[in-house]
Protein backbone atom coordinates (compact mmCIF):
# COMPACT_ATOMS: atom_id res chain seq x y z
CA MET A 1 -35.05 -46.63 -10.12
CA ARG A 2 -33.84 -45.06 -13.42
CA LYS A 3 -33.16 -41.25 -12.12
CA ILE A 4 -30.78 -43.57 -9.44
CA ASN A 5 -29.27 -45.42 -12.11
CA ILE A 6 -28.27 -42.07 -13.89
CA LEU A 7 -26.66 -40.77 -10.26
CA ILE A 8 -24.82 -44.10 -10.03
CA LEU A 9 -22.92 -43.92 -13.12
CA ALA A 10 -22.33 -40.02 -12.60
CA GLY A 11 -20.41 -40.51 -9.27
CA ILE A 12 -18.34 -43.56 -10.66
CA PHE A 13 -17.86 -40.93 -13.75
CA MET A 14 -16.97 -38.31 -10.71
CA ILE A 15 -14.37 -40.14 -9.60
CA SER A 16 -12.58 -41.73 -12.52
CA ALA A 17 -12.03 -38.56 -13.23
CA CYS A 18 -10.61 -37.48 -9.67
CA LYS A 19 -8.65 -39.79 -9.88
CA LYS A 20 -7.02 -39.27 -13.15
CA ASN A 21 -6.24 -35.25 -11.76
CA ASN A 22 -4.31 -36.80 -8.91
CA ASN A 23 -0.80 -37.29 -8.47
CA THR A 24 1.11 -41.18 -8.55
CA PRO A 25 1.56 -42.09 -5.18
CA GLY A 26 4.38 -40.73 -3.92
CA SER A 27 4.95 -37.65 -5.99
CA THR A 28 5.24 -34.70 -3.75
CA THR A 29 4.10 -32.65 -6.82
CA PRO A 30 0.40 -31.11 -6.20
CA PRO A 31 -1.67 -31.46 -9.08
CA GLU A 32 -3.22 -29.11 -11.34
CA PRO A 33 -6.50 -27.24 -10.17
CA VAL A 34 -9.30 -27.64 -12.51
CA ASP A 35 -11.21 -25.10 -14.15
CA ALA A 36 -14.63 -25.36 -12.63
CA GLY A 37 -16.55 -22.92 -15.14
CA ASN A 38 -17.33 -20.48 -12.59
CA GLY A 39 -14.07 -18.27 -12.27
CA GLY A 40 -12.54 -20.38 -10.17
CA SER A 41 -10.96 -24.13 -9.44
CA VAL A 42 -12.37 -27.96 -8.94
CA GLY A 43 -10.16 -30.94 -7.36
CA PRO A 44 -7.28 -30.44 -5.16
CA ILE A 45 -5.34 -26.89 -4.90
CA THR A 46 -2.40 -25.69 -3.24
CA ALA A 47 -2.34 -24.00 -0.01
CA PRO A 48 -1.62 -20.48 0.00
CA THR A 49 2.23 -19.59 1.87
CA ASP A 50 2.96 -16.79 3.66
CA PRO A 51 6.51 -14.83 2.06
CA GLU A 52 9.94 -14.19 4.51
CA ILE A 53 8.83 -10.03 5.07
CA ALA A 54 10.86 -8.24 3.03
CA ALA A 55 13.78 -6.11 4.77
CA SER A 56 11.73 -2.54 2.85
CA GLN A 57 9.02 -3.99 4.55
CA GLY A 58 10.11 -4.53 8.18
CA PHE A 59 8.68 -3.87 11.27
CA PHE A 60 5.32 -1.44 9.73
CA LEU A 61 4.18 -5.29 9.39
CA ASP A 62 4.38 -6.25 12.84
CA GLU A 63 0.97 -5.13 13.58
CA TRP A 64 -0.66 -6.64 10.40
CA GLN A 65 -3.70 -7.94 11.20
CA PRO A 66 -6.02 -10.49 9.38
CA LYS A 67 -9.30 -8.78 7.67
CA THR A 68 -12.70 -10.44 7.24
CA PHE A 69 -14.53 -9.92 4.70
CA THR A 70 -18.85 -8.89 5.11
CA ILE A 71 -20.62 -10.19 2.42
CA PRO A 72 -22.75 -6.83 1.51
CA THR A 73 -25.92 -5.48 0.93
CA SER A 74 -26.34 -5.37 -2.26
CA GLN A 75 -28.07 -5.33 -5.75
CA VAL A 76 -27.95 -7.78 -8.58
CA VAL A 77 -27.30 -6.68 -11.84
CA ALA A 78 -26.48 -8.37 -15.22
CA LYS A 79 -23.54 -10.10 -16.56
CA PRO A 80 -21.97 -8.35 -19.32
CA THR A 81 -23.23 -9.88 -23.04
CA GLY A 82 -20.28 -8.85 -25.04
CA ALA A 83 -16.95 -11.16 -25.52
CA ALA A 84 -14.80 -10.80 -23.00
CA THR A 85 -11.03 -10.23 -25.18
CA ILE A 86 -9.13 -9.25 -22.13
CA ASN A 87 -8.60 -11.92 -18.53
CA VAL A 88 -7.34 -11.48 -15.63
CA THR A 89 -5.68 -14.63 -13.60
CA ALA A 90 -5.54 -14.41 -9.90
CA ASP A 91 -3.49 -17.16 -8.21
CA VAL A 92 -4.54 -17.47 -4.79
CA SER A 93 -1.93 -19.60 -3.80
CA GLN A 94 0.92 -17.30 -4.43
CA VAL A 95 0.83 -15.36 -2.28
CA VAL A 96 3.02 -11.86 -3.24
CA SER A 97 2.82 -9.82 0.62
CA LYS A 98 1.18 -9.29 3.25
CA VAL A 99 -0.53 -5.99 3.63
CA SER A 100 0.45 -3.64 6.12
CA LYS A 101 -2.30 -1.50 7.56
CA TYR A 102 0.15 1.90 7.31
CA MET A 103 -0.13 1.37 3.02
CA PHE A 104 -3.40 4.04 3.10
CA GLY A 105 -1.73 6.54 4.62
CA ASN A 106 -2.09 10.48 4.49
CA ASN A 107 -0.95 13.85 5.60
CA ILE A 108 -2.24 16.85 7.49
CA ASN A 109 -1.92 20.58 7.17
CA PRO A 110 -2.16 22.56 10.37
CA PHE A 111 -3.65 25.47 7.92
CA THR A 112 -6.55 23.48 7.01
CA GLY A 113 -8.60 24.19 10.81
CA GLN A 114 -8.75 22.16 13.63
CA TYR A 115 -10.34 19.19 11.98
CA THR A 116 -13.69 18.51 14.79
CA ASP A 117 -16.29 18.84 12.10
CA ALA A 118 -18.11 15.99 12.73
CA GLY A 119 -18.30 15.30 8.37
CA ILE A 120 -14.58 15.46 8.43
CA VAL A 121 -14.23 12.99 11.07
CA THR A 122 -16.78 10.30 10.00
CA ASP A 123 -14.91 10.59 6.31
CA LEU A 124 -11.58 10.45 7.44
CA THR A 125 -13.03 7.00 10.41
CA ASN A 126 -14.40 5.89 6.90
CA LEU A 127 -11.58 6.65 4.93
CA ALA A 128 -9.81 4.29 7.66
CA PRO A 129 -5.52 5.68 6.52
CA ASN A 130 -4.52 4.34 9.61
CA ILE A 131 -1.63 6.55 9.91
CA ILE A 132 -0.91 10.23 9.01
CA ARG A 133 2.00 12.13 8.67
CA ALA A 134 2.27 15.97 10.25
CA PRO A 135 2.73 18.95 10.68
CA GLY A 136 2.35 19.23 6.95
CA GLY A 137 5.87 18.98 4.71
CA SER A 138 8.20 21.48 4.69
CA LEU A 139 6.14 23.44 6.99
CA SER A 140 7.72 20.87 9.65
CA ASP A 141 10.92 23.14 9.13
CA VAL A 142 9.80 26.44 11.01
CA TYR A 143 7.47 24.30 12.98
CA PHE A 144 7.87 24.70 17.14
CA TRP A 145 4.79 22.62 18.58
CA ASN A 146 4.99 24.09 22.52
CA ALA A 147 5.31 27.95 21.20
CA PRO A 148 2.07 29.66 22.02
CA SER A 149 0.92 31.54 19.63
CA GLY A 150 3.39 35.03 18.64
CA GLY A 151 5.90 32.28 20.90
CA MET A 152 8.68 31.57 19.24
CA PRO A 153 12.01 31.20 20.53
CA THR A 154 14.11 33.64 20.55
CA ASP A 155 16.83 32.68 19.50
CA ILE A 156 15.34 31.43 15.27
CA PRO A 157 16.35 34.54 12.53
CA ASP A 158 13.57 37.23 11.86
CA LYS A 159 14.08 36.79 8.21
CA LEU A 160 15.13 33.60 6.89
CA LEU A 161 17.23 33.28 3.52
CA ASN A 162 16.34 32.12 0.11
CA ALA A 163 18.33 28.87 -1.93
CA ASP A 164 20.61 31.53 -3.80
CA GLY A 165 21.40 33.68 -0.81
CA SER A 166 18.36 36.53 -0.86
CA VAL A 167 16.61 37.34 2.21
CA SER A 168 12.82 35.71 1.74
CA THR A 169 10.27 38.47 2.07
CA ASN A 170 8.07 35.34 3.52
CA THR A 171 9.76 34.10 6.31
CA TYR A 172 6.77 32.82 8.94
CA TYR A 173 6.99 30.43 11.78
CA TRP A 174 4.36 27.59 13.07
CA SER A 175 3.13 26.97 15.95
CA GLY A 176 1.82 24.14 17.67
CA LYS A 177 -0.25 25.89 19.98
CA VAL A 178 -2.83 28.21 18.05
CA THR A 179 -6.48 27.43 18.86
CA ALA A 180 -7.85 29.39 16.35
CA ASN A 181 -10.23 28.21 13.92
CA TRP A 182 -7.88 28.28 10.68
CA SER A 183 -5.43 26.07 12.83
CA LEU A 184 -4.56 22.61 13.89
CA SER A 185 -3.65 22.60 17.20
CA LEU A 186 -0.85 19.98 18.08
CA ASP A 187 -3.53 18.91 20.36
CA ASN A 188 -6.44 18.92 18.42
CA TYR A 189 -3.99 16.12 15.88
CA TYR A 190 -3.86 13.63 18.68
CA SER A 191 -7.53 14.39 19.46
CA LEU A 192 -7.93 13.25 15.50
CA LEU A 193 -6.07 10.42 15.51
CA GLN A 194 -7.90 8.89 18.48
CA LYS A 195 -11.34 9.54 16.72
CA THR A 196 -10.20 7.99 13.51
CA ASN A 197 -8.23 5.55 14.97
CA SER A 198 -5.29 6.10 13.39
CA LYS A 199 -1.72 6.66 14.32
CA GLY A 200 0.83 9.59 13.68
CA ILE A 201 3.61 9.42 12.15
CA ILE A 202 6.14 13.28 12.80
CA THR A 203 8.55 15.55 11.43
CA VAL A 204 9.97 16.98 14.27
CA ASN A 205 12.30 20.34 13.09
CA TYR A 206 15.19 20.15 11.06
CA GLY A 207 15.39 23.11 10.00
CA TYR A 208 15.71 24.70 13.60
CA ALA A 209 19.27 22.79 14.08
CA ARG A 210 20.68 24.95 10.73
CA TYR A 211 18.93 28.50 11.43
CA GLY A 212 18.55 28.63 15.27
CA THR A 213 21.56 31.24 16.26
CA GLY A 214 22.22 30.00 19.68
CA PRO A 215 25.67 28.95 20.53
CA THR A 216 24.82 25.06 19.92
CA PRO A 217 21.98 25.23 17.31
CA VAL A 218 22.44 21.43 16.80
CA GLN A 219 21.73 20.16 19.99
CA THR A 220 18.74 22.84 20.69
CA ALA A 221 16.95 21.68 17.83
CA ALA A 222 17.43 18.12 18.88
CA HIS A 223 16.16 18.89 22.26
CA LEU A 224 13.24 20.45 21.68
CA ALA A 225 12.36 17.52 19.86
CA ALA A 226 13.01 15.28 22.30
CA ASN A 227 10.21 17.62 24.74
CA TRP A 228 8.09 16.46 21.80
CA VAL A 229 8.70 13.14 22.30
CA ARG A 230 8.54 13.06 25.94
CA TYR A 231 4.82 15.14 25.26
CA ASP A 232 4.17 12.95 22.31
CA ASN A 233 4.13 9.83 25.57
CA GLY A 234 4.37 6.81 23.70
CA ARG A 235 1.34 7.64 21.62
CA THR A 236 3.56 7.43 18.30
CA LYS A 237 5.90 5.69 17.17
CA PHE A 238 7.39 6.48 14.15
CA TRP A 239 9.16 9.46 13.36
CA GLU A 240 11.45 11.55 10.94
CA ILE A 241 14.26 13.99 11.22
CA GLY A 242 13.61 16.52 8.87
CA ASN A 243 11.64 16.83 5.23
CA GLU A 244 13.24 17.01 2.12
CA CYS A 245 16.20 18.11 3.35
CA TYR A 246 18.24 18.24 0.64
CA GLY A 247 16.01 20.30 -1.01
CA ASN A 248 16.75 24.06 -1.91
CA TRP A 249 12.59 24.92 -1.00
CA GLU A 250 13.58 23.76 2.49
CA ALA A 251 14.27 26.36 5.38
CA SER A 252 17.48 24.53 6.38
CA TYR A 253 18.93 23.96 2.47
CA ARG A 254 20.93 27.47 3.02
CA ILE A 255 21.82 29.45 6.11
CA ASP A 256 23.10 32.93 6.40
CA VAL A 257 26.97 32.04 8.22
CA THR A 258 26.71 35.11 10.20
CA LYS A 259 23.96 34.33 12.20
CA ASN A 260 25.55 30.58 12.89
CA HIS A 261 27.92 29.85 16.01
CA ASP A 262 28.87 26.18 14.88
CA GLY A 263 30.40 26.72 11.99
CA GLN A 264 27.37 25.31 9.59
CA PRO A 265 28.13 25.72 5.91
CA ALA A 266 25.71 27.97 4.14
CA ILE A 267 24.78 24.85 1.98
CA ILE A 268 23.23 21.87 3.64
CA THR A 269 24.91 18.93 2.64
CA GLY A 270 24.68 15.22 3.21
CA ASP A 271 26.98 14.40 5.19
CA LEU A 272 26.50 17.52 7.22
CA TYR A 273 22.19 15.91 7.04
CA GLY A 274 24.05 12.49 8.20
CA LYS A 275 26.05 13.70 11.38
CA GLN A 276 23.08 15.61 12.50
CA PHE A 277 20.59 12.78 12.27
CA LYS A 278 22.50 11.45 15.03
CA VAL A 279 22.54 14.20 17.55
CA PHE A 280 18.20 14.02 17.20
CA ALA A 281 17.72 10.36 17.26
CA ASP A 282 20.30 9.97 20.32
CA SER A 283 18.64 12.50 22.28
CA MET A 284 14.88 11.73 21.25
CA ARG A 285 15.80 7.30 21.71
CA SER A 286 16.83 8.89 25.32
CA ALA A 287 13.45 10.72 25.61
CA ALA A 288 12.09 7.88 24.49
CA SER A 289 13.69 5.70 26.96
CA GLN A 290 12.75 7.85 29.35
CA ILE A 291 8.94 7.13 29.34
CA GLY A 292 9.14 3.71 28.79
CA ALA A 293 7.97 3.70 24.89
CA THR A 294 9.95 2.34 21.85
CA ILE A 295 10.03 4.66 19.18
CA LYS A 296 10.98 4.05 15.14
CA ILE A 297 13.11 7.27 13.64
CA GLY A 298 13.06 7.90 9.58
CA ALA A 299 16.11 9.74 8.13
CA ILE A 300 16.03 11.57 4.77
CA LEU A 301 16.66 9.65 1.38
CA HIS A 302 16.72 11.26 -2.25
CA GLU A 303 14.37 9.87 -4.82
CA SER A 304 16.30 10.13 -7.72
CA PRO A 305 20.07 10.25 -9.00
CA ASP A 306 21.73 12.96 -7.18
CA ASP A 307 22.62 15.47 -10.78
CA ASN A 308 23.70 19.45 -8.61
CA SER A 309 20.98 20.49 -10.19
CA GLY A 310 20.48 23.37 -8.16
CA VAL A 311 17.23 22.20 -6.29
CA SER A 312 19.03 19.01 -4.65
CA VAL A 313 21.68 18.34 -3.48
CA SER A 314 24.59 16.80 -4.84
CA ASN A 315 25.21 12.94 -3.48
CA TRP A 316 23.04 13.22 -0.67
CA ASN A 317 22.33 9.16 -0.56
CA PRO A 318 25.84 8.85 -0.38
CA GLY A 319 26.63 11.68 1.82
CA VAL A 320 23.81 10.78 4.28
CA LEU A 321 24.12 6.90 4.03
CA GLY A 322 27.71 7.38 4.80
CA GLN A 323 28.26 9.27 8.43
CA ILE A 324 24.22 7.33 9.72
CA GLY A 325 25.14 3.95 8.77
CA ASP A 326 22.99 1.34 11.04
CA SER A 327 21.40 4.37 13.41
CA ALA A 328 17.91 5.13 11.52
CA ASP A 329 15.10 2.28 11.84
CA PHE A 330 13.72 3.06 8.26
CA PHE A 331 14.38 5.25 5.31
CA ILE A 332 11.85 8.39 4.04
CA VAL A 333 11.18 8.50 0.76
CA HIS A 334 8.86 10.83 -1.67
CA ASN A 335 7.28 10.60 -4.83
CA TYR A 336 4.84 12.95 -7.39
CA TYR A 337 5.22 10.52 -10.22
CA THR A 338 4.75 12.80 -13.48
CA ASN A 339 6.79 15.29 -14.83
CA TYR A 340 6.60 18.68 -12.33
CA TYR A 341 3.85 20.72 -13.73
CA GLU A 342 3.65 18.89 -16.91
CA ASN A 343 0.49 18.90 -19.06
CA SER A 344 0.33 15.18 -18.29
CA SER A 345 -2.58 13.09 -20.63
CA ALA A 346 -4.23 11.16 -19.13
CA LEU A 347 -2.66 7.70 -19.90
CA THR A 348 0.78 9.39 -19.06
CA VAL A 349 -0.58 10.08 -15.84
CA LEU A 350 -1.50 6.23 -15.43
CA LYS A 351 1.39 4.25 -16.24
CA THR A 352 3.55 5.89 -14.16
CA ALA A 353 1.98 4.08 -11.21
CA SER A 354 3.71 0.86 -12.26
CA THR A 355 6.74 1.92 -13.39
CA SER A 356 8.10 5.00 -10.75
CA SER A 357 6.93 3.05 -7.94
CA PHE A 358 8.82 -0.13 -9.34
CA LYS A 359 11.73 2.30 -9.99
CA LEU A 360 12.35 4.31 -6.85
CA MET A 361 12.42 1.22 -4.50
CA ASN A 362 15.39 -1.03 -6.82
CA PHE A 363 17.07 3.16 -6.48
CA ALA A 364 16.91 3.11 -3.05
CA LYS A 365 18.17 -0.53 -2.39
CA ALA A 366 20.44 -0.13 -4.62
CA ALA A 367 21.40 3.52 -3.05
CA LEU A 368 21.69 1.31 0.86
CA SER A 369 23.88 -2.08 -0.95
CA THR A 370 26.36 0.15 -2.20
CA ALA A 371 26.49 2.27 0.94
CA GLY A 372 26.70 -1.00 2.49
CA VAL A 373 24.04 0.45 5.25
CA LYS A 374 21.13 -2.85 6.05
CA GLN A 375 18.69 -2.84 4.37
CA LYS A 376 16.07 -1.35 6.49
CA PRO A 377 11.87 -0.91 5.85
CA ILE A 378 10.96 1.76 3.11
CA ALA A 379 8.47 4.68 3.58
CA LEU A 380 6.64 6.90 1.38
CA THR A 381 5.86 9.54 3.42
CA GLU A 382 4.45 11.91 0.89
CA TRP A 383 3.46 10.57 -2.46
CA ASN A 384 0.70 12.48 -5.39
CA ILE A 385 1.04 13.18 -9.23
CA PHE A 386 2.39 16.55 -10.14
CA SER A 387 0.85 17.30 -13.69
CA SER A 388 -0.85 20.63 -14.13
CA GLY A 389 -2.75 22.88 -16.37
CA SER A 390 -5.88 20.27 -17.30
CA LYS A 391 -6.91 20.04 -13.20
CA GLN A 392 -4.88 16.18 -13.48
CA MET A 393 -4.84 16.95 -9.59
CA ILE A 394 -8.82 16.65 -8.27
CA SER A 395 -10.00 14.77 -11.36
CA ASN A 396 -11.19 10.84 -11.80
CA VAL A 397 -8.21 10.16 -13.17
CA ALA A 398 -6.51 11.20 -9.47
CA GLY A 399 -8.44 8.78 -8.34
CA ALA A 400 -7.94 5.98 -10.61
CA HIS A 401 -3.71 6.62 -10.57
CA ALA A 402 -3.99 5.82 -6.39
CA ALA A 403 -5.73 3.22 -7.00
CA MET A 404 -3.19 1.86 -9.03
CA VAL A 405 -0.36 3.42 -6.90
CA LEU A 406 -1.33 1.28 -3.77
CA GLY A 407 -1.42 -1.48 -5.66
CA GLU A 408 2.45 -1.51 -7.56
CA LEU A 409 3.36 0.15 -3.59
CA ILE A 410 2.34 -3.13 -2.10
CA LYS A 411 3.37 -5.33 -4.89
CA ASP A 412 6.92 -3.56 -4.41
CA GLN A 413 6.97 -4.70 -0.95
CA TYR A 414 7.22 -0.35 0.43
CA GLY A 415 6.85 -0.71 4.17
CA GLN A 416 4.22 2.42 4.58
CA ALA A 417 3.35 5.02 2.74
CA SER A 418 0.84 8.20 3.20
CA ARG A 419 -0.31 10.82 0.48
CA TRP A 420 -0.01 14.06 -0.01
CA ASP A 421 -2.86 15.22 2.05
CA LEU A 422 -6.17 16.17 2.95
CA ALA A 423 -6.47 19.10 2.18
CA ASN A 424 -4.61 21.91 0.27
CA GLY A 425 -5.50 24.61 -0.75
CA TRP A 426 -6.79 26.14 -4.07
CA ASP A 427 -4.84 28.48 -6.51
CA SER A 428 -6.62 31.27 -8.42
CA LYS A 429 -3.96 31.45 -10.62
CA ALA A 430 -4.12 27.60 -11.64
CA PRO A 431 -7.24 26.44 -10.76
CA GLY A 432 -7.07 22.20 -9.89
CA ASP A 433 -3.29 22.39 -9.26
CA ASP A 434 -4.37 21.49 -5.34
CA HIS A 435 -3.69 18.06 -3.49
CA GLY A 436 -5.89 17.65 -1.34
CA LEU A 437 -8.08 15.03 -1.08
CA PHE A 438 -10.56 17.08 -0.20
CA SER A 439 -12.26 20.66 -1.42
CA PHE A 440 -10.36 23.25 0.41
CA GLY A 441 -11.35 26.92 -0.60
CA GLN A 442 -12.31 25.57 -3.57
CA PRO A 443 -14.86 28.10 -5.66
CA THR A 444 -18.91 27.00 -5.45
CA VAL A 445 -18.13 23.86 -3.65
CA PRO A 446 -17.76 23.31 0.03
CA ASP A 447 -15.01 23.12 2.43
CA PHE A 448 -14.24 19.11 3.12
CA THR A 449 -16.38 17.26 -0.29
CA PRO A 450 -14.22 14.51 -0.88
CA ARG A 451 -12.63 14.79 -4.51
CA PRO A 452 -12.95 11.85 -6.26
CA ALA A 453 -9.78 10.32 -5.37
CA PHE A 454 -11.30 10.00 -1.75
CA TYR A 455 -13.84 7.25 -3.67
CA TYR A 456 -11.44 4.79 -5.55
CA LEU A 457 -8.72 4.98 -1.94
CA TYR A 458 -12.34 3.98 0.06
CA TYR A 459 -13.21 1.20 -1.52
CA PHE A 460 -9.37 -0.22 -2.44
CA GLN A 461 -8.97 -0.41 1.04
CA LYS A 462 -12.92 -1.89 1.98
CA TYR A 463 -12.08 -4.46 -1.16
CA PHE A 464 -8.62 -5.22 -0.39
CA GLY A 465 -7.54 -8.20 1.28
CA ASP A 466 -4.75 -8.96 4.18
CA ARG A 467 -2.93 -10.46 1.81
CA MET A 468 -1.80 -9.90 -1.96
CA ILE A 469 -1.92 -12.68 -4.42
CA ASN A 470 -0.22 -12.87 -8.19
CA SER A 471 -1.96 -11.79 -10.61
CA SER A 472 -2.00 -11.16 -14.35
CA VAL A 473 -3.57 -9.60 -17.90
CA THR A 474 -3.55 -10.63 -20.93
CA GLY A 475 -5.69 -8.91 -23.59
CA SER A 476 -4.36 -5.85 -22.74
CA SER A 477 -1.59 -3.73 -21.98
CA ASN A 478 -3.98 -1.10 -20.72
CA ILE A 479 -5.39 -2.96 -17.90
CA ALA A 480 -3.94 -3.32 -14.30
CA SER A 481 -4.69 -6.22 -11.69
CA TYR A 482 -3.89 -6.19 -8.18
CA ALA A 483 -5.30 -9.32 -6.46
CA SER A 484 -5.54 -10.76 -3.05
CA SER A 485 -7.24 -12.64 -0.24
CA PHE A 486 -9.07 -11.77 2.85
CA SER A 487 -8.00 -14.30 6.09
CA SER A 488 -11.98 -14.74 6.16
CA GLY A 489 -11.64 -17.69 2.81
CA GLN A 490 -12.58 -15.06 0.37
CA ALA A 491 -10.30 -13.56 -2.86
CA GLY A 492 -11.04 -10.23 -5.04
CA VAL A 493 -9.40 -8.06 -7.28
CA VAL A 494 -9.25 -4.55 -8.51
CA ILE A 495 -9.01 -3.76 -11.98
CA VAL A 496 -7.76 -0.48 -13.69
CA ASN A 497 -8.83 0.27 -17.07
CA MET A 498 -6.12 3.16 -17.88
CA ASP A 499 -7.37 3.07 -21.71
CA ALA A 500 -9.70 5.43 -23.44
CA THR A 501 -13.01 3.05 -24.09
CA ASP A 502 -14.42 0.50 -22.00
CA ALA A 503 -13.05 -3.00 -21.47
CA THR A 504 -14.95 -6.31 -20.46
CA VAL A 505 -12.80 -7.94 -18.69
CA SER A 506 -12.90 -12.02 -17.92
CA VAL A 507 -11.50 -13.01 -14.36
CA ASN A 508 -10.28 -16.88 -13.03
CA PHE A 509 -8.85 -17.82 -9.76
CA LYS A 510 -6.78 -20.17 -9.24
CA ASN A 511 -6.01 -22.18 -6.56
CA TYR A 512 -9.85 -21.20 -5.18
CA TYR A 513 -13.63 -22.57 -4.94
CA THR A 514 -15.85 -20.43 -5.64
CA GLY A 515 -18.65 -19.15 -4.26
CA SER A 516 -21.98 -18.64 -6.15
CA ASN A 517 -21.73 -14.77 -6.31
CA TYR A 518 -18.92 -12.20 -6.55
CA TYR A 519 -19.86 -8.35 -5.15
CA TYR A 520 -17.95 -5.34 -7.07
CA TYR A 521 -18.16 -1.43 -7.55
CA THR A 522 -17.49 0.02 -10.38
CA LEU A 523 -16.17 3.82 -10.64
CA ASN A 524 -15.60 6.21 -13.27
CA GLY A 525 -15.43 10.05 -14.31
CA GLY A 526 -18.25 11.94 -15.81
CA THR A 527 -18.50 13.91 -18.78
CA ASP A 528 -16.84 16.84 -17.95
CA ASN A 529 -13.64 18.85 -18.20
CA GLY A 530 -12.48 16.09 -21.13
CA ASP A 531 -10.34 12.99 -19.41
CA PHE A 532 -10.16 14.59 -16.22
CA SER A 533 -14.05 15.08 -14.45
CA GLY A 534 -13.88 16.00 -11.35
CA LYS A 535 -17.05 13.66 -10.75
CA VAL A 536 -16.39 10.00 -9.62
CA MET A 537 -19.70 7.69 -10.46
CA VAL A 538 -19.93 4.87 -7.87
CA ASN A 539 -22.46 1.43 -9.22
CA GLY A 540 -24.08 4.65 -11.36
CA ASN A 541 -24.73 7.37 -8.39
CA GLY A 542 -23.12 10.70 -8.33
CA PRO A 543 -22.43 14.12 -6.55
CA ALA A 544 -25.56 15.88 -5.93
CA ASN A 545 -23.46 19.53 -6.39
CA ASN A 546 -22.04 18.59 -9.56
CA TYR A 547 -18.36 17.43 -8.11
CA GLY A 548 -17.09 14.85 -6.51
CA GLY A 549 -18.55 11.82 -5.64
CA PRO A 550 -21.50 10.41 -3.91
CA ALA A 551 -22.42 11.95 -0.55
CA ASN A 552 -23.48 7.98 0.81
CA TYR A 553 -20.75 6.35 -0.91
CA ALA A 554 -20.81 4.66 2.76
CA ALA A 555 -24.31 2.96 2.17
CA LEU A 556 -24.40 2.43 -1.59
CA PRO A 557 -25.38 -1.05 -1.97
CA ALA A 558 -22.42 -3.33 -4.16
CA ASN A 559 -23.45 -5.22 -7.68
CA SER A 560 -24.03 -8.95 -7.59
CA THR A 561 -24.17 -11.41 -10.40
CA SER A 562 -24.28 -15.08 -10.19
CA THR A 563 -20.49 -16.55 -10.75
CA SER A 564 -22.25 -19.46 -12.80
CA ASN A 565 -20.60 -19.30 -16.37
CA GLY A 566 -17.53 -17.67 -14.90
CA ILE A 567 -16.69 -14.05 -13.79
CA LYS A 568 -16.60 -11.31 -16.01
CA VAL A 569 -17.22 -7.36 -15.57
CA THR A 570 -17.28 -4.14 -17.85
CA VAL A 571 -14.50 -1.80 -16.20
CA PRO A 572 -14.98 1.88 -17.96
CA ALA A 573 -12.54 4.17 -19.41
CA ARG A 574 -10.21 5.39 -16.93
CA GLY A 575 -11.80 4.15 -14.17
CA ALA A 576 -11.70 0.29 -12.40
CA VAL A 577 -13.41 -2.00 -10.76
CA PHE A 578 -13.15 -3.34 -6.84
CA LEU A 579 -14.41 -6.67 -7.34
CA VAL A 580 -14.78 -10.02 -4.35
CA VAL A 581 -16.07 -13.27 -4.54
CA ASP A 582 -17.18 -15.27 -1.40
CA LYS A 583 -15.37 -18.70 -1.00
CA LYS A 584 -17.90 -21.90 -1.56
């Protein structure tokens, strides 16, 4: 009887407490959620509401799908005992954006093989980039998709010109039908997309419109692009016309006017590209209509103020936008974050993720607004870092930076993003200056060994939901947080530590009822190469060959800890924690 009385009294107390938290009758203000002491809330909570899709995202969110989090196989670990002086707060009711599946893309180069090996197909399937861009950046300007090996068109020059007008000593053209093992044929690209459940984004050969020696080079190049659309037969929705056409490194930048027959200037301008873009777009859309396909066509914008520096065309964006008006479906920018080949520190690299992503999006929006052009989706079809000298590009820090970039791009509402690139090539004169997500030609390391960034990208997508929610950090300016929710009910956060020392972080979710456990993976570098370790440890598991990460990453159990007395984790120096807390 005594126990029953105690329970009754407790029930009365709880009812009274709930009444105190309720609004007065007729009030439209939702009650403030109460901290449950387990990293979540008790009492009434505010339900989330999806915001309108931003113009910078647009149709890239048309194929958005709800995401389900499955409780993973896990191992119980103790909660950190140290005091948490850093706090991350995420509010499930405040949705920043739905998450486009096209934010996790990558680029492929045709000189890195046929991608038929089962190992690379498995890793790419696990990575789930969802979209893979081809045929490889600047190489697209010399790429003839339907040419057999050695069977190039007759209306191309034997030698192209360098930016200074001198004759290039290494002119080459690329065929889409080379089946040798050192190349990637177009058909094997399509096959890889199918095997990895990915879509394509294709860059057509714009350079041919400039250096072609026939009577109508623009129309000829546009016809080649349109025929590719026909051959593609609806498999690819997203198309780009050209690659970094403003740059003096591109085959389209400078032409020999003595071989040109339609009066084009020696050096490209934004105005010229805009005019020729419309010829390509009209031909490609006509081809798509003939086969009953819907395509979206992107135009190239410069990512920063035009400075006429000799490497980029002055007034590129105004010239392009003044010509194309509303004829582009989306706009394309690239971002390599750090200063060109600067020997950047780890903190410098990591800090660029937020500042540069935000600055570029605002610049692109302003360029469109100034030109009076309707806001359209923004696609970041190449991104990475340019830091050099300490093997930054292939390091654990590059991985932590990659995780931050994904979070920032989603927060800044980009429509699409593709990292540069899956595999690139080892430079013996500058070891470590290699953008590849996988090794290729690297001494003592098997080709297509996943590098640290692979693991950060893999766990980010695995532990990030279908909606980004608002989050904030107090106690440190060197901790970044990116929170999300799943349609299946769970919430989570990615926490990156930019500092040189480990951090104990407390996590609290507002407007969310937490379950009994939280699950997480901790990633950090090794002790090799100072701040720029070539290794990554996942929940303490490292690589077998002293480079990269654990081969059994897909089977590693998550760490599991009770939410009782709150959610607390140790975020390692220059590392990250990918965490999801179960729902009640």
